[in-house]
């Protein structure tokens, strides 16, 4: 992408949502878990949190402001 050979990341989403409770290695965070499996909801399931991660934002133009996405 930087060299202009391709303009997309094949088989990759622009945003990823890993589970916030997992620890990640700073040098190689992959693979990480992006799903929470719940078989039965019998009690309050608070603290089931995800973190939004922007993939491939090499020029810094991503907007994380939901009320003003431009």
PDB file of N, CA and C in Angstrom:
ATOM      1  N   UNK A   1       0.823  -1.187   0.000  1.00  0.00           N
ATOM      2  CA  UNK A   1       0.000   0.000   0.000  1.00  0.00           C
ATOM      3  C   UNK A   1       0.868   1.252   0.000  1.00  0.00           C
ATOM      4  N   UNK A   2       1.913   1.228   0.771  1.00  0.00           N
ATOM      5  CA  UNK A   2       2.784   2.398   0.837  1.00  0.00           C
ATOM      6  C   UNK A   2       3.466   2.631  -0.508  1.00  0.00           C
ATOM      7  N   UNK A   3       3.836   1.568  -1.192  1.00  0.00           N
ATOM      8  CA  UNK A   3       4.510   1.692  -2.480  1.00  0.00           C
ATOM      9  C   UNK A   3       3.538   1.864  -3.644  1.00  0.00           C
ATOM     10  N   UNK A   4       2.252   1.790  -3.382  1.00  0.00           N
ATOM     11  CA  UNK A   4       1.256   1.968  -4.430  1.00  0.00           C
ATOM     12  C   UNK A   4       0.981   0.714  -5.243  1.00  0.00           C
ATOM     13  N   UNK A   5       1.479  -0.431  -4.800  1.00  0.00           N
ATOM     14  CA  UNK A   5       1.254  -1.684  -5.508  1.00  0.00           C
ATOM     15  C   UNK A   5      -0.186  -2.138  -5.354  1.00  0.00           C
ATOM     16  N   UNK A   6      -0.758  -1.909  -4.185  1.00  0.00           N
ATOM     17  CA  UNK A   6      -2.151  -2.256  -3.914  1.00  0.00           C
ATOM     18  C   UNK A   6      -2.786  -1.130  -3.097  1.00  0.00           C
ATOM     19  N   UNK A   7      -4.088  -0.977  -3.206  1.00  0.00           N
ATOM     20  CA  UNK A   7      -4.769   0.081  -2.454  1.00  0.00           C
ATOM     21  C   UNK A   7      -5.729  -0.471  -1.409  1.00  0.00           C
ATOM     22  N   UNK A   8      -5.627  -1.765  -1.106  1.00  0.00           N
ATOM     23  CA  UNK A   8      -6.514  -2.379  -0.118  1.00  0.00           C
ATOM     24  C   UNK A   8      -5.771  -3.475   0.627  1.00  0.00           C
ATOM     25  N   UNK A   9      -6.255  -3.771   1.823  1.00  0.00           N
ATOM     26  CA  UNK A   9      -5.734  -4.898   2.589  1.00  0.00           C
ATOM     27  C   UNK A   9      -6.626  -6.094   2.300  1.00  0.00           C
ATOM     28  N   UNK A  10      -6.139  -7.073   1.518  1.00  0.00           N
ATOM     29  CA  UNK A  10      -6.996  -8.213   1.166  1.00  0.00           C
ATOM     30  C   UNK A  10      -7.375  -9.035   2.387  1.00  0.00           C
ATOM     31  N   UNK A  11      -8.634  -9.457   2.412  1.00  0.00           N
ATOM     32  CA  UNK A  11      -9.172 -10.299   3.492  1.00  0.00           C
ATOM     33  C   UNK A  11      -8.971  -9.675   4.864  1.00  0.00           C
ATOM     34  N   UNK A  12      -9.170  -8.371   4.959  1.00  0.00           N
ATOM     35  CA  UNK A  12      -8.998  -7.689   6.237  1.00  0.00           C
ATOM     36  C   UNK A  12     -10.047  -6.599   6.372  1.00  0.00           C
ATOM     37  N   UNK A  13     -10.570  -6.446   7.554  1.00  0.00           N
ATOM     38  CA  UNK A  13     -11.548  -5.397   7.836  1.00  0.00           C
ATOM     39  C   UNK A  13     -10.818  -4.121   8.235  1.00  0.00           C
ATOM     40  N   UNK A  14     -11.428  -2.991   7.977  1.00  0.00           N
ATOM     41  CA  UNK A  14     -10.824  -1.713   8.321  1.00  0.00           C
ATOM     42  C   UNK A  14     -10.772  -1.501   9.834  1.00  0.00           C
ATOM     43  N   UNK A  15     -11.788  -1.953  10.515  1.00  0.00           N
ATOM     44  CA  UNK A  15     -11.833  -1.867  11.982  1.00  0.00           C
ATOM     45  C   UNK A  15     -11.881  -3.268  12.553  1.00  0.00           C
ATOM     46  N   UNK A  16     -11.155  -3.493  13.639  1.00  0.00           N
ATOM     47  CA  UNK A  16     -11.175  -4.767  14.346  1.00  0.00           C
ATOM     48  C   UNK A  16     -11.594  -4.493  15.785  1.00  0.00           C
ATOM     49  N   UNK A  17     -12.210  -5.473  16.432  1.00  0.00           N
ATOM     50  CA  UNK A  17     -12.744  -5.291  17.780  1.00  0.00           C
ATOM     51  C   UNK A  17     -12.317  -6.424  18.703  1.00  0.00           C
ATOM     52  N   UNK A  18     -11.059  -6.401  19.177  1.00  0.00           N
ATOM     53  CA  UNK A  18     -10.619  -7.435  20.118  1.00  0.00           C
ATOM     54  C   UNK A  18     -11.250  -7.242  21.497  1.00  0.00           C
ATOM     55  N   UNK A  19     -11.335  -8.313  22.243  1.00  0.00           N
ATOM     56  CA  UNK A  19     -11.853  -8.277  23.611  1.00  0.00           C
ATOM     57  C   UNK A  19     -10.848  -7.520  24.475  1.00  0.00           C
ATOM     58  N   UNK A  20     -11.329  -6.582  25.255  1.00  0.00           N
ATOM     59  CA  UNK A  20     -10.429  -5.718  26.030  1.00  0.00           C
ATOM     60  C   UNK A  20      -9.730  -6.441  27.180  1.00  0.00           C
ATOM     61  N   UNK A  21     -10.279  -7.536  27.679  1.00  0.00           N
ATOM     62  CA  UNK A  21      -9.708  -8.228  28.839  1.00  0.00           C
ATOM     63  C   UNK A  21      -8.473  -9.057  28.506  1.00  0.00           C
ATOM     64  N   UNK A  22      -8.208  -9.305  27.229  1.00  0.00           N
ATOM     65  CA  UNK A  22      -7.060 -10.147  26.885  1.00  0.00           C
ATOM     66  C   UNK A  22      -5.770  -9.332  26.822  1.00  0.00           C
ATOM     67  N   UNK A  23      -4.675  -9.986  27.149  1.00  0.00           N
ATOM     68  CA  UNK A  23      -3.383  -9.306  27.061  1.00  0.00           C
ATOM     69  C   UNK A  23      -2.793  -9.572  25.687  1.00  0.00           C
ATOM     70  N   UNK A  24      -2.138  -8.547  25.128  1.00  0.00           N
ATOM     71  CA  UNK A  24      -1.547  -8.662  23.797  1.00  0.00           C
ATOM     72  C   UNK A  24      -0.062  -8.366  23.861  1.00  0.00           C
ATOM     73  N   UNK A  25       0.680  -9.080  23.058  1.00  0.00           N
ATOM     74  CA  UNK A  25       2.110  -8.857  22.910  1.00  0.00           C
ATOM     75  C   UNK A  25       2.303  -7.650  21.990  1.00  0.00           C
ATOM     76  N   UNK A  26       3.051  -6.660  22.418  1.00  0.00           N
ATOM     77  CA  UNK A  26       3.249  -5.437  21.631  1.00  0.00           C
ATOM     78  C   UNK A  26       3.970  -5.704  20.313  1.00  0.00           C
ATOM     79  N   UNK A  27       4.790  -6.730  20.248  1.00  0.00           N
ATOM     80  CA  UNK A  27       5.526  -7.015  19.014  1.00  0.00           C
ATOM     81  C   UNK A  27       4.718  -7.855  18.033  1.00  0.00           C
ATOM     82  N   UNK A  28       3.782  -8.652  18.533  1.00  0.00           N
ATOM     83  CA  UNK A  28       2.930  -9.472  17.664  1.00  0.00           C
ATOM     84  C   UNK A  28       1.592  -9.709  18.352  1.00  0.00           C
ATOM     85  N   UNK A  29       0.619  -8.808  18.151  1.00  0.00           N
ATOM     86  CA  UNK A  29      -0.671  -8.937  18.838  1.00  0.00           C
ATOM     87  C   UNK A  29      -1.600  -9.989  18.236  1.00  0.00           C
ATOM     88  N   UNK A  30      -1.245 -10.545  17.075  1.00  0.00           N
ATOM     89  CA  UNK A  30      -2.108 -11.497  16.391  1.00  0.00           C
ATOM     90  C   UNK A  30      -1.739 -12.920  16.769  1.00  0.00           C
ATOM     91  N   UNK A  31      -2.649 -13.847  16.847  1.00  0.00           N
ATOM     92  CA  UNK A  31      -4.088 -13.650  16.720  1.00  0.00           C
ATOM     93  C   UNK A  31      -4.687 -13.139  18.022  1.00  0.00           C
ATOM     94  N   UNK A  32      -5.788 -12.445  17.932  1.00  0.00           N
ATOM     95  CA  UNK A  32      -6.511 -12.009  19.113  1.00  0.00           C
ATOM     96  C   UNK A  32      -7.974 -12.394  18.966  1.00  0.00           C
ATOM     97  N   UNK A  33      -8.651 -12.522  20.090  1.00  0.00           N
ATOM     98  CA  UNK A  33     -10.043 -12.979  20.107  1.00  0.00           C
ATOM     99  C   UNK A  33     -10.975 -11.789  19.895  1.00  0.00           C
ATOM    100  N   UNK A  34     -11.934 -11.949  18.970  1.00  0.00           N
ATOM    101  CA  UNK A  34     -12.900 -10.894  18.665  1.00  0.00           C
ATOM    102  C   UNK A  34     -14.339 -11.337  18.935  1.00  0.00           C
ATOM    103  N   UNK A  35     -14.526 -12.428  19.652  1.00  0.00           N
ATOM    104  CA  UNK A  35     -15.858 -12.929  19.942  1.00  0.00           C
ATOM    105  C   UNK A  35     -15.966 -13.327  21.400  1.00  0.00           C
ATOM    106  N   UNK A  36     -17.146 -13.138  21.953  1.00  0.00           N
ATOM    107  CA  UNK A  36     -17.455 -13.620  23.297  1.00  0.00           C
ATOM    108  C   UNK A  36     -18.596 -14.623  23.148  1.00  0.00           C
ATOM    109  N   UNK A  37     -18.340 -15.867  23.507  1.00  0.00           N
ATOM    110  CA  UNK A  37     -19.366 -16.912  23.401  1.00  0.00           C
ATOM    111  C   UNK A  37     -20.141 -17.000  24.710  1.00  0.00           C
ATOM    112  N   UNK A  38     -21.446 -16.820  24.610  1.00  0.00           N
ATOM    113  CA  UNK A  38     -22.328 -16.912  25.774  1.00  0.00           C
ATOM    114  C   UNK A  38     -23.400 -17.942  25.439  1.00  0.00           C
ATOM    115  N   UNK A  39     -23.413 -19.045  26.187  1.00  0.00           N
ATOM    116  CA  UNK A  39     -24.376 -20.099  25.872  1.00  0.00           C
ATOM    117  C   UNK A  39     -25.759 -19.797  26.454  1.00  0.00           C
ATOM    118  N   UNK A  40     -25.792 -19.268  27.677  1.00  0.00           N
ATOM    119  CA  UNK A  40     -27.062 -18.905  28.303  1.00  0.00           C
ATOM    120  C   UNK A  40     -26.851 -17.627  29.106  1.00  0.00           C
ATOM    121  N   UNK A  41     -27.766 -16.705  28.973  1.00  0.00           N
ATOM    122  CA  UNK A  41     -27.692 -15.483  29.774  1.00  0.00           C
ATOM    123  C   UNK A  41     -28.636 -15.656  30.961  1.00  0.00           C
ATOM    124  N   UNK A  42     -28.050 -16.019  32.089  1.00  0.00           N
ATOM    125  CA  UNK A  42     -28.840 -16.257  33.289  1.00  0.00           C
ATOM    126  C   UNK A  42     -28.650 -15.157  34.327  1.00  0.00           C
ATOM    127  N   UNK A  43     -27.580 -14.382  34.191  1.00  0.00           N
ATOM    128  CA  UNK A  43     -27.290 -13.290  35.115  1.00  0.00           C
ATOM    129  C   UNK A  43     -26.819 -12.082  34.327  1.00  0.00           C
ATOM    130  N   UNK A  44     -26.585 -11.000  35.023  1.00  0.00           N
ATOM    131  CA  UNK A  44     -26.067  -9.782  34.405  1.00  0.00           C
ATOM    132  C   UNK A  44     -24.704 -10.065  33.794  1.00  0.00           C
ATOM    133  N   UNK A  45     -24.513  -9.745  32.527  1.00  0.00           N
ATOM    134  CA  UNK A  45     -23.259 -10.016  31.825  1.00  0.00           C
ATOM    135  C   UNK A  45     -22.507  -8.710  31.564  1.00  0.00           C
ATOM    136  N   UNK A  46     -22.288  -7.922  32.617  1.00  0.00           N
ATOM    137  CA  UNK A  46     -21.557  -6.669  32.450  1.00  0.00           C
ATOM    138  C   UNK A  46     -20.071  -6.951  32.241  1.00  0.00           C
ATOM    139  N   UNK A  47     -19.343  -5.941  31.850  1.00  0.00           N
ATOM    140  CA  UNK A  47     -17.899  -6.013  31.600  1.00  0.00           C
ATOM    141  C   UNK A  47     -17.528  -6.967  30.465  1.00  0.00           C
ATOM    142  N   UNK A  48     -18.383  -7.058  29.462  1.00  0.00           N
ATOM    143  CA  UNK A  48     -18.069  -7.807  28.247  1.00  0.00           C
ATOM    144  C   UNK A  48     -17.664  -6.767  27.199  1.00  0.00           C
ATOM    145  N   UNK A  49     -16.434  -6.298  27.273  1.00  0.00           N
ATOM    146  CA  UNK A  49     -16.019  -5.125  26.515  1.00  0.00           C
ATOM    147  C   UNK A  49     -15.071  -5.454  25.366  1.00  0.00           C
ATOM    148  N   UNK A  50     -15.162  -4.633  24.338  1.00  0.00           N
ATOM    149  CA  UNK A  50     -14.288  -4.705  23.187  1.00  0.00           C
ATOM    150  C   UNK A  50     -13.559  -3.379  23.033  1.00  0.00           C
ATOM    151  N   UNK A  51     -12.449  -3.395  22.301  1.00  0.00           N
ATOM    152  CA  UNK A  51     -11.692  -2.186  22.004  1.00  0.00           C
ATOM    153  C   UNK A  51     -11.658  -2.034  20.486  1.00  0.00           C
ATOM    154  N   UNK A  52     -11.945  -0.855  19.970  1.00  0.00           N
ATOM    155  CA  UNK A  52     -11.881  -0.611  18.530  1.00  0.00           C
ATOM    156  C   UNK A  52     -10.446  -0.318  18.120  1.00  0.00           C
ATOM    157  N   UNK A  53      -9.984  -1.021  17.072  1.00  0.00           N
ATOM    158  CA  UNK A  53      -8.629  -0.837  16.565  1.00  0.00           C
ATOM    159  C   UNK A  53      -8.717  -0.564  15.069  1.00  0.00           C
ATOM    160  N   UNK A  54      -8.163   0.547  14.630  1.00  0.00           N
ATOM    161  CA  UNK A  54      -8.150   0.892  13.210  1.00  0.00           C
ATOM    162  C   UNK A  54      -6.961   0.202  12.560  1.00  0.00           C
ATOM    163  N   UNK A  55      -7.222  -0.553  11.506  1.00  0.00           N
ATOM    164  CA  UNK A  55      -6.184  -1.284  10.792  1.00  0.00           C
ATOM    165  C   UNK A  55      -5.804  -0.506   9.531  1.00  0.00           C
ATOM    166  N   UNK A  56      -4.512  -0.295   9.339  1.00  0.00           N
ATOM    167  CA  UNK A  56      -4.014   0.272   8.093  1.00  0.00           C
ATOM    168  C   UNK A  56      -4.178   1.763   7.932  1.00  0.00           C
ATOM    169  N   UNK A  57      -4.299   2.517   8.989  1.00  0.00           N
ATOM    170  CA  UNK A  57      -4.434   3.970   8.876  1.00  0.00           C
ATOM    171  C   UNK A  57      -3.033   4.594   8.795  1.00  0.00           C
ATOM    172  N   UNK A  58      -2.408   4.505   7.622  1.00  0.00           N
ATOM    173  CA  UNK A  58      -1.029   4.967   7.475  1.00  0.00           C
ATOM    174  C   UNK A  58      -0.902   6.482   7.335  1.00  0.00           C
ATOM    175  N   UNK A  59      -1.989   7.170   6.962  1.00  0.00           N
ATOM    176  CA  UNK A  59      -1.892   8.624   6.814  1.00  0.00           C
ATOM    177  C   UNK A  59      -2.597   9.393   7.920  1.00  0.00           C
ATOM    178  N   UNK A  60      -3.160   8.713   8.909  1.00  0.00           N
ATOM    179  CA  UNK A  60      -3.757   9.356  10.079  1.00  0.00           C
ATOM    180  C   UNK A  60      -5.055  10.086   9.819  1.00  0.00           C
ATOM    181  N   UNK A  61      -5.812   9.704   8.790  1.00  0.00           N
ATOM    182  CA  UNK A  61      -7.048  10.419   8.474  1.00  0.00           C
ATOM    183  C   UNK A  61      -8.305   9.789   9.059  1.00  0.00           C
ATOM    184  N   UNK A  62      -8.166   8.815   9.937  1.00  0.00           N
ATOM    185  CA  UNK A  62      -9.332   8.167  10.518  1.00  0.00           C
ATOM    186  C   UNK A  62     -10.023   9.119  11.495  1.00  0.00           C
ATOM    187  N   UNK A  63     -11.356   9.044  11.513  1.00  0.00           N
ATOM    188  CA  UNK A  63     -12.155   9.811  12.474  1.00  0.00           C
ATOM    189  C   UNK A  63     -12.784   8.841  13.453  1.00  0.00           C
ATOM    190  N   UNK A  64     -12.581   9.071  14.737  1.00  0.00           N
ATOM    191  CA  UNK A  64     -13.211   8.226  15.754  1.00  0.00           C
ATOM    192  C   UNK A  64     -14.358   8.957  16.458  1.00  0.00           C
ATOM    193  N   UNK A  65     -14.732  10.095  15.935  1.00  0.00           N
ATOM    194  CA  UNK A  65     -15.812  10.883  16.501  1.00  0.00           C
ATOM    195  C   UNK A  65     -17.129  10.465  15.838  1.00  0.00           C
ATOM    196  N   UNK A  66     -17.958   9.724  16.547  1.00  0.00           N
ATOM    197  CA  UNK A  66     -19.200   9.203  15.986  1.00  0.00           C
ATOM    198  C   UNK A  66     -20.173  10.319  15.641  1.00  0.00           C
ATOM    199  N   UNK A  67     -20.183  11.388  16.411  1.00  0.00           N
ATOM    200  CA  UNK A  67     -21.124  12.475  16.141  1.00  0.00           C
ATOM    201  C   UNK A  67     -20.702  13.338  14.948  1.00  0.00           C
ATOM    202  N   UNK A  68     -19.440  13.245  14.532  1.00  0.00           N
ATOM    203  CA  UNK A  68     -18.963  13.991  13.373  1.00  0.00           C
ATOM    204  C   UNK A  68     -17.975  13.113  12.603  1.00  0.00           C
ATOM    205  N   UNK A  69     -18.475  12.098  11.845  1.00  0.00           N
ATOM    206  CA  UNK A  69     -17.585  11.140  11.191  1.00  0.00           C
ATOM    207  C   UNK A  69     -16.739  11.718  10.076  1.00  0.00           C
ATOM    208  N   UNK A  70     -17.067  12.897   9.549  1.00  0.00           N
ATOM    209  CA  UNK A  70     -16.258  13.497   8.474  1.00  0.00           C
ATOM    210  C   UNK A  70     -14.912  13.893   9.027  1.00  0.00           C
TER     211      UNK A  70
END
